[in-house]
Amino acid sequence: VILCVVCGLFAFAMTQAMSPSPIG
């Protein structure tokens, strides 16, 4: 559960930092 939360937050941060395209 903790890893799911951490991975979700990390994914959100990377989505904002990387290319705004759907592929990115």
PDB file of all heavy atoms in Angstrom:
ATOM      1  N   VAL A   1       0.833  -1.203   0.000  1.00  0.00           N
ATOM      2  CA  VAL A   1       0.000   0.000   0.000  1.00  0.00           C
ATOM      3  C   VAL A   1       0.867   1.251   0.000  1.00  0.00           C
ATOM      4  O   VAL A   1       0.624   2.211  -0.751  1.00  0.00           O
ATOM      5  CB  VAL A   1      -0.951  -0.004   1.213  1.00  0.00           C
ATOM      6  CG1 VAL A   1      -1.658   1.345   1.347  1.00  0.00           C
ATOM      7  CG2 VAL A   1      -1.964  -1.125   1.085  1.00  0.00           C
ATOM      8  N   ILE A   2       1.910   1.244   0.830  1.00  0.00           N
ATOM      9  CA  ILE A   2       2.809   2.401   0.889  1.00  0.00           C
ATOM     10  C   ILE A   2       3.491   2.630  -0.452  1.00  0.00           C
ATOM     11  O   ILE A   2       3.595   3.766  -0.933  1.00  0.00           O
ATOM     12  CB  ILE A   2       3.862   2.191   2.003  1.00  0.00           C
ATOM     13  CG1 ILE A   2       3.177   2.198   3.379  1.00  0.00           C
ATOM     14  CG2 ILE A   2       4.929   3.285   1.944  1.00  0.00           C
ATOM     15  CD1 ILE A   2       4.098   1.846   4.520  1.00  0.00           C
ATOM     16  N   LEU A   3       3.935   1.542  -1.084  1.00  0.00           N
ATOM     17  CA  LEU A   3       4.587   1.668  -2.386  1.00  0.00           C
ATOM     18  C   LEU A   3       3.617   2.202  -3.434  1.00  0.00           C
ATOM     19  O   LEU A   3       4.007   2.980  -4.310  1.00  0.00           O
ATOM     20  CB  LEU A   3       5.155   0.316  -2.819  1.00  0.00           C
ATOM     21  CG  LEU A   3       6.486  -0.095  -2.180  1.00  0.00           C
ATOM     22  CD1 LEU A   3       6.826  -1.522  -2.549  1.00  0.00           C
ATOM     23  CD2 LEU A   3       7.595   0.845  -2.613  1.00  0.00           C
ATOM     24  N   CYS A   4       2.347   1.771  -3.354  1.00  0.00           N
ATOM     25  CA  CYS A   4       1.346   2.284  -4.301  1.00  0.00           C
ATOM     26  C   CYS A   4       1.207   3.797  -4.167  1.00  0.00           C
ATOM     27  O   CYS A   4       1.166   4.525  -5.164  1.00  0.00           O
ATOM     28  CB  CYS A   4      -0.011   1.615  -4.060  1.00  0.00           C
ATOM     29  SG  CYS A   4      -0.106  -0.091  -4.614  1.00  0.00           S
ATOM     30  N   VAL A   5       1.146   4.275  -2.907  1.00  0.00           N
ATOM     31  CA  VAL A   5       1.003   5.711  -2.685  1.00  0.00           C
ATOM     32  C   VAL A   5       2.228   6.461  -3.182  1.00  0.00           C
ATOM     33  O   VAL A   5       2.131   7.479  -3.886  1.00  0.00           O
ATOM     34  CB  VAL A   5       0.767   5.994  -1.191  1.00  0.00           C
ATOM     35  CG1 VAL A   5       0.744   7.506  -0.930  1.00  0.00           C
ATOM     36  CG2 VAL A   5      -0.538   5.363  -0.732  1.00  0.00           C
ATOM     37  N   VAL A   6       3.414   5.946  -2.839  1.00  0.00           N
ATOM     38  CA  VAL A   6       4.653   6.601  -3.254  1.00  0.00           C
ATOM     39  C   VAL A   6       4.770   6.624  -4.773  1.00  0.00           C
ATOM     40  O   VAL A   6       5.105   7.656  -5.372  1.00  0.00           O
ATOM     41  CB  VAL A   6       5.872   5.895  -2.626  1.00  0.00           C
ATOM     42  CG1 VAL A   6       7.173   6.450  -3.209  1.00  0.00           C
ATOM     43  CG2 VAL A   6       5.853   6.071  -1.114  1.00  0.00           C
ATOM     44  N   CYS A   7       4.475   5.473  -5.426  1.00  0.00           N
ATOM     45  CA  CYS A   7       4.559   5.411  -6.886  1.00  0.00           C
ATOM     46  C   CYS A   7       3.553   6.350  -7.535  1.00  0.00           C
ATOM     47  O   CYS A   7       3.846   6.978  -8.560  1.00  0.00           O
ATOM     48  CB  CYS A   7       4.322   3.978  -7.360  1.00  0.00           C
ATOM     49  SG  CYS A   7       5.689   2.855  -6.979  1.00  0.00           S
ATOM     50  N   GLY A   8       2.366   6.466  -6.940  1.00  0.00           N
ATOM     51  CA  GLY A   8       1.369   7.372  -7.494  1.00  0.00           C
ATOM     52  C   GLY A   8       1.818   8.815  -7.435  1.00  0.00           C
ATOM     53  O   GLY A   8       1.684   9.563  -8.409  1.00  0.00           O
ATOM     54  N   LEU A   9       2.374   9.223  -6.272  1.00  0.00           N
ATOM     55  CA  LEU A   9       2.880  10.587  -6.152  1.00  0.00           C
ATOM     56  C   LEU A   9       4.048  10.831  -7.097  1.00  0.00           C
ATOM     57  O   LEU A   9       4.151  11.892  -7.732  1.00  0.00           O
ATOM     58  CB  LEU A   9       3.310  10.849  -4.697  1.00  0.00           C
ATOM     59  CG  LEU A   9       2.180  10.859  -3.654  1.00  0.00           C
ATOM     60  CD1 LEU A   9       2.751  10.993  -2.252  1.00  0.00           C
ATOM     61  CD2 LEU A   9       1.200  11.995  -3.937  1.00  0.00           C
ATOM     62  N   PHE A  10       4.935   9.848  -7.205  1.00  0.00           N
ATOM     63  CA  PHE A  10       6.083   9.981  -8.096  1.00  0.00           C
ATOM     64  C   PHE A  10       5.629  10.079  -9.551  1.00  0.00           C
ATOM     65  O   PHE A  10       6.156  10.870 -10.336  1.00  0.00           O
ATOM     66  CB  PHE A  10       7.008   8.777  -7.896  1.00  0.00           C
ATOM     67  CG  PHE A  10       8.281   8.847  -8.708  1.00  0.00           C
ATOM     68  CD1 PHE A  10       9.028  10.014  -8.750  1.00  0.00           C
ATOM     69  CD2 PHE A  10       8.726   7.734  -9.411  1.00  0.00           C
ATOM     70  CE1 PHE A  10      10.204  10.075  -9.489  1.00  0.00           C
ATOM     71  CE2 PHE A  10       9.890   7.791 -10.148  1.00  0.00           C
ATOM     72  CZ  PHE A  10      10.633   8.964 -10.188  1.00  0.00           C
ATOM     73  N   ALA A  11       4.620   9.283  -9.916  1.00  0.00           N
ATOM     74  CA  ALA A  11       4.104   9.325 -11.291  1.00  0.00           C
ATOM     75  C   ALA A  11       3.506  10.692 -11.601  1.00  0.00           C
ATOM     76  O   ALA A  11       3.717  11.241 -12.680  1.00  0.00           O
ATOM     77  CB  ALA A  11       3.052   8.234 -11.478  1.00  0.00           C
ATOM     78  N   PHE A  12       2.779  11.251 -10.623  1.00  0.00           N
ATOM     79  CA  PHE A  12       2.175  12.563 -10.845  1.00  0.00           C
ATOM     80  C   PHE A  12       3.246  13.636 -11.034  1.00  0.00           C
ATOM     81  O   PHE A  12       3.158  14.490 -11.928  1.00  0.00           O
ATOM     82  CB  PHE A  12       1.277  12.929  -9.661  1.00  0.00           C
ATOM     83  CG  PHE A  12       0.671  14.301  -9.762  1.00  0.00           C
ATOM     84  CD1 PHE A  12      -0.413  14.535 -10.593  1.00  0.00           C
ATOM     85  CD2 PHE A  12       1.200  15.364  -9.033  1.00  0.00           C
ATOM     86  CE1 PHE A  12      -0.971  15.793 -10.702  1.00  0.00           C
ATOM     87  CE2 PHE A  12       0.648  16.629  -9.148  1.00  0.00           C
ATOM     88  CZ  PHE A  12      -0.442  16.844  -9.974  1.00  0.00           C
ATOM     89  N   ALA A  13       4.301  13.557 -10.202  1.00  0.00           N
ATOM     90  CA  ALA A  13       5.379  14.541 -10.312  1.00  0.00           C
ATOM     91  C   ALA A  13       6.092  14.432 -11.647  1.00  0.00           C
ATOM     92  O   ALA A  13       6.395  15.440 -12.299  1.00  0.00           O
ATOM     93  CB  ALA A  13       6.368  14.352  -9.167  1.00  0.00           C
ATOM     94  N   MET A  14       6.359  13.218 -12.089  1.00  0.00           N
ATOM     95  CA  MET A  14       7.054  13.023 -13.357  1.00  0.00           C
ATOM     96  C   MET A  14       6.179  13.435 -14.525  1.00  0.00           C
ATOM     97  O   MET A  14       6.657  13.965 -15.525  1.00  0.00           O
ATOM     98  CB  MET A  14       7.482  11.560 -13.510  1.00  0.00           C
ATOM     99  CG  MET A  14       8.590  11.137 -12.559  1.00  0.00           C
ATOM    100  SD  MET A  14       9.246   9.505 -12.976  1.00  0.00           S
ATOM    101  CE  MET A  14      10.049   9.827 -14.538  1.00  0.00           C
ATOM    102  N   THR A  15       4.878  13.208 -14.414  1.00  0.00           N
ATOM    103  CA  THR A  15       3.960  13.620 -15.480  1.00  0.00           C
ATOM    104  C   THR A  15       3.997  15.135 -15.658  1.00  0.00           C
ATOM    105  O   THR A  15       3.946  15.654 -16.779  1.00  0.00           O
ATOM    106  CB  THR A  15       2.533  13.165 -15.154  1.00  0.00           C
ATOM    107  OG1 THR A  15       2.521  11.750 -15.002  1.00  0.00           O
ATOM    108  CG2 THR A  15       1.575  13.544 -16.269  1.00  0.00           C
ATOM    109  N   GLN A  16       4.092  15.862 -14.542  1.00  0.00           N
ATOM    110  CA  GLN A  16       4.150  17.316 -14.622  1.00  0.00           C
ATOM    111  C   GLN A  16       5.483  17.809 -15.154  1.00  0.00           C
ATOM    112  O   GLN A  16       5.565  18.841 -15.838  1.00  0.00           O
ATOM    113  CB  GLN A  16       3.910  17.925 -13.223  1.00  0.00           C
ATOM    114  CG  GLN A  16       2.565  17.572 -12.619  1.00  0.00           C
ATOM    115  CD  GLN A  16       1.408  18.013 -13.493  1.00  0.00           C
ATOM    116  OE1 GLN A  16       1.382  19.147 -13.967  1.00  0.00           O
ATOM    117  NE2 GLN A  16       0.458  17.127 -13.716  1.00  0.00           N
ATOM    118  N   ALA A  17       6.543  17.056 -14.856  1.00  0.00           N
ATOM    119  CA  ALA A  17       7.879  17.502 -15.240  1.00  0.00           C
ATOM    120  C   ALA A  17       8.243  17.134 -16.663  1.00  0.00           C
ATOM    121  O   ALA A  17       9.009  17.846 -17.321  1.00  0.00           O
ATOM    122  CB  ALA A  17       8.920  16.913 -14.270  1.00  0.00           C
ATOM    123  N   MET A  18       7.707  16.023 -17.143  1.00  0.00           N
ATOM    124  CA  MET A  18       8.080  15.544 -18.471  1.00  0.00           C
ATOM    125  C   MET A  18       7.191  16.156 -19.539  1.00  0.00           C
ATOM    126  O   MET A  18       6.426  17.073 -19.292  1.00  0.00           O
ATOM    127  CB  MET A  18       8.001  14.004 -18.508  1.00  0.00           C
ATOM    128  CG  MET A  18       9.035  13.317 -17.617  1.00  0.00           C
ATOM    129  SD  MET A  18       8.927  11.528 -17.685  1.00  0.00           S
ATOM    130  CE  MET A  18       9.380  11.195 -19.367  1.00  0.00           C
ATOM    131  N   SER A  19       7.298  15.609 -20.753  1.00  0.00           N
ATOM    132  CA  SER A  19       6.529  16.121 -21.887  1.00  0.00           C
ATOM    133  C   SER A  19       5.042  16.118 -21.560  1.00  0.00           C
ATOM    134  O   SER A  19       4.528  15.150 -20.992  1.00  0.00           O
ATOM    135  CB  SER A  19       6.785  15.238 -23.118  1.00  0.00           C
ATOM    136  OG  SER A  19       5.873  15.544 -24.139  1.00  0.00           O
ATOM    137  N   PRO A  20       4.337  17.188 -21.913  1.00  0.00           N
ATOM    138  CA  PRO A  20       2.896  17.235 -21.624  1.00  0.00           C
ATOM    139  C   PRO A  20       2.066  16.343 -22.527  1.00  0.00           C
ATOM    140  O   PRO A  20       0.866  16.242 -22.354  1.00  0.00           O
ATOM    141  CB  PRO A  20       2.557  18.709 -21.871  1.00  0.00           C
ATOM    142  CG  PRO A  20       3.568  19.166 -22.872  1.00  0.00           C
ATOM    143  CD  PRO A  20       4.833  18.426 -22.531  1.00  0.00           C
ATOM    144  N   SER A  21       2.680  15.699 -23.521  1.00  0.00           N
ATOM    145  CA  SER A  21       1.924  14.857 -24.437  1.00  0.00           C
ATOM    146  C   SER A  21       1.449  13.604 -23.729  1.00  0.00           C
ATOM    147  O   SER A  21       2.033  13.183 -22.720  1.00  0.00           O
ATOM    148  CB  SER A  21       2.803  14.452 -25.630  1.00  0.00           C
ATOM    149  OG  SER A  21       3.841  13.591 -25.191  1.00  0.00           O
ATOM    150  N   PRO A  22       0.372  12.947 -24.228  1.00  0.00           N
ATOM    151  CA  PRO A  22      -0.116  11.706 -23.616  1.00  0.00           C
ATOM    152  C   PRO A  22       0.948  10.626 -23.578  1.00  0.00           C
ATOM    153  O   PRO A  22       1.024   9.856 -22.621  1.00  0.00           O
ATOM    154  CB  PRO A  22      -1.300  11.315 -24.514  1.00  0.00           C
ATOM    155  CG  PRO A  22      -1.736  12.594 -25.133  1.00  0.00           C
ATOM    156  CD  PRO A  22      -0.486  13.405 -25.318  1.00  0.00           C
ATOM    157  N   ILE A  23       1.786  10.535 -24.632  1.00  0.00           N
ATOM    158  CA  ILE A  23       2.831   9.513 -24.657  1.00  0.00           C
ATOM    159  C   ILE A  23       3.826   9.742 -23.536  1.00  0.00           C
ATOM    160  O   ILE A  23       4.235   8.828 -22.824  1.00  0.00           O
ATOM    161  CB  ILE A  23       3.529   9.493 -26.029  1.00  0.00           C
ATOM    162  CG1 ILE A  23       2.544   9.070 -27.112  1.00  0.00           C
ATOM    163  CG2 ILE A  23       4.723   8.568 -26.007  1.00  0.00           C
ATOM    164  CD1 ILE A  23       3.131   9.082 -28.506  1.00  0.00           C
ATOM    165  N   GLY A  24       4.233  11.038 -23.354  1.00  0.00           N
ATOM    166  CA  GLY A  24       5.174  11.343 -22.283  1.00  0.00           C
ATOM    167  C   GLY A  24       4.589  11.030 -20.921  1.00  0.00           C
ATOM    168  O   GLY A  24       5.268  10.494 -20.042  1.00  0.00           O
TER     169      GLY A  24
END
